[in-house]
């Protein structure tokens, strides 16, 4: 089974982050909800969209 972790502890470029997670068990949704705030990263992560500017995925202050 493949596991994914919401705390993103495997990301090496994150220098400082805030992480919160709660478990919800409702009729419409059962699972974990995760919030990660990237307070400080080594360098932003972005990619180029066709005919557009760079699209930022992670940078300082991103939630």
C-alpha atoms as a PDB file:
ATOM      1  CA  UNK A   1       0.000   0.000   0.000  1.00  0.00           C
ATOM      2  CA  UNK A   2       1.278   3.433  -0.918  1.00  0.00           C
ATOM      3  CA  UNK A   3       1.237   5.931   1.947  1.00  0.00           C
ATOM      4  CA  UNK A   4       1.118   9.680   1.653  1.00  0.00           C
ATOM      5  CA  UNK A   5       1.900  12.017   4.530  1.00  0.00           C
ATOM      6  CA  UNK A   6       0.291  15.430   4.778  1.00  0.00           C
ATOM      7  CA  UNK A   7       3.041  16.922   6.926  1.00  0.00           C
ATOM      8  CA  UNK A   8       5.393  16.972   3.884  1.00  0.00           C
ATOM      9  CA  UNK A   9       8.328  16.028   6.128  1.00  0.00           C
ATOM     10  CA  UNK A  10      10.074  14.453   3.125  1.00  0.00           C
ATOM     11  CA  UNK A  11      10.328  17.815   1.323  1.00  0.00           C
ATOM     12  CA  UNK A  12      13.918  18.979   1.786  1.00  0.00           C
ATOM     13  CA  UNK A  13      13.415  22.584   0.615  1.00  0.00           C
ATOM     14  CA  UNK A  14      10.991  23.534   3.406  1.00  0.00           C
ATOM     15  CA  UNK A  15      12.908  25.457   6.065  1.00  0.00           C
ATOM     16  CA  UNK A  16       9.956  26.389   8.308  1.00  0.00           C
ATOM     17  CA  UNK A  17       6.306  25.312   8.197  1.00  0.00           C
ATOM     18  CA  UNK A  18       3.142  25.193  10.290  1.00  0.00           C
ATOM     19  CA  UNK A  19       1.144  21.959  10.099  1.00  0.00           C
ATOM     20  CA  UNK A  20      -2.336  21.052  11.380  1.00  0.00           C
ATOM     21  CA  UNK A  21      -4.424  17.931  10.789  1.00  0.00           C
ATOM     22  CA  UNK A  22      -7.871  16.814  11.958  1.00  0.00           C
ATOM     23  CA  UNK A  23      -9.923  13.690  11.344  1.00  0.00           C
ATOM     24  CA  UNK A  24     -13.534  14.150  10.196  1.00  0.00           C
ATOM     25  CA  UNK A  25     -16.115  11.362  10.318  1.00  0.00           C
ATOM     26  CA  UNK A  26     -19.339  12.621   8.731  1.00  0.00           C
ATOM     27  CA  UNK A  27     -21.977  11.192   6.386  1.00  0.00           C
ATOM     28  CA  UNK A  28     -20.580  13.002   3.316  1.00  0.00           C
ATOM     29  CA  UNK A  29     -16.869  12.746   4.157  1.00  0.00           C
ATOM     30  CA  UNK A  30     -14.636  10.562   6.279  1.00  0.00           C
ATOM     31  CA  UNK A  31     -10.910  11.261   6.358  1.00  0.00           C
ATOM     32  CA  UNK A  32      -8.155  13.634   7.339  1.00  0.00           C
ATOM     33  CA  UNK A  33      -8.047  17.327   6.521  1.00  0.00           C
ATOM     34  CA  UNK A  34      -4.578  18.850   6.475  1.00  0.00           C
ATOM     35  CA  UNK A  35      -3.336  22.451   6.505  1.00  0.00           C
ATOM     36  CA  UNK A  36       0.304  23.254   5.718  1.00  0.00           C
ATOM     37  CA  UNK A  37       1.610  26.830   5.798  1.00  0.00           C
ATOM     38  CA  UNK A  38       5.019  27.244   4.147  1.00  0.00           C
ATOM     39  CA  UNK A  39       6.543  29.984   6.290  1.00  0.00           C
ATOM     40  CA  UNK A  40      10.012  29.760   4.708  1.00  0.00           C
ATOM     41  CA  UNK A  41      11.288  27.685   1.765  1.00  0.00           C
ATOM     42  CA  UNK A  42      14.783  27.353   0.319  1.00  0.00           C
ATOM     43  CA  UNK A  43      13.560  28.372  -3.135  1.00  0.00           C
ATOM     44  CA  UNK A  44      10.095  28.537  -4.723  1.00  0.00           C
ATOM     45  CA  UNK A  45       8.832  25.579  -6.762  1.00  0.00           C
ATOM     46  CA  UNK A  46       7.118  26.469 -10.020  1.00  0.00           C
ATOM     47  CA  UNK A  47       6.485  25.159 -13.514  1.00  0.00           C
ATOM     48  CA  UNK A  48       5.804  26.717 -16.889  1.00  0.00           C
ATOM     49  CA  UNK A  49       2.305  26.554 -18.332  1.00  0.00           C
ATOM     50  CA  UNK A  50       2.005  26.742 -22.111  1.00  0.00           C
ATOM     51  CA  UNK A  51       1.823  30.395 -23.226  1.00  0.00           C
ATOM     52  CA  UNK A  52       1.643  31.647 -19.602  1.00  0.00           C
ATOM     53  CA  UNK A  53       3.968  32.848 -16.907  1.00  0.00           C
ATOM     54  CA  UNK A  54       5.443  30.463 -14.353  1.00  0.00           C
ATOM     55  CA  UNK A  55       2.855  28.825 -12.085  1.00  0.00           C
ATOM     56  CA  UNK A  56       4.060  28.827  -8.444  1.00  0.00           C
ATOM     57  CA  UNK A  57       3.284  25.728  -6.377  1.00  0.00           C
ATOM     58  CA  UNK A  58       5.313  26.479  -3.225  1.00  0.00           C
ATOM     59  CA  UNK A  59       6.839  29.751  -2.013  1.00  0.00           C
ATOM     60  CA  UNK A  60       7.218  31.679   1.253  1.00  0.00           C
ATOM     61  CA  UNK A  61       3.801  32.225   2.846  1.00  0.00           C
ATOM     62  CA  UNK A  62       1.892  29.753   0.649  1.00  0.00           C
ATOM     63  CA  UNK A  63      -0.917  27.794   2.340  1.00  0.00           C
END
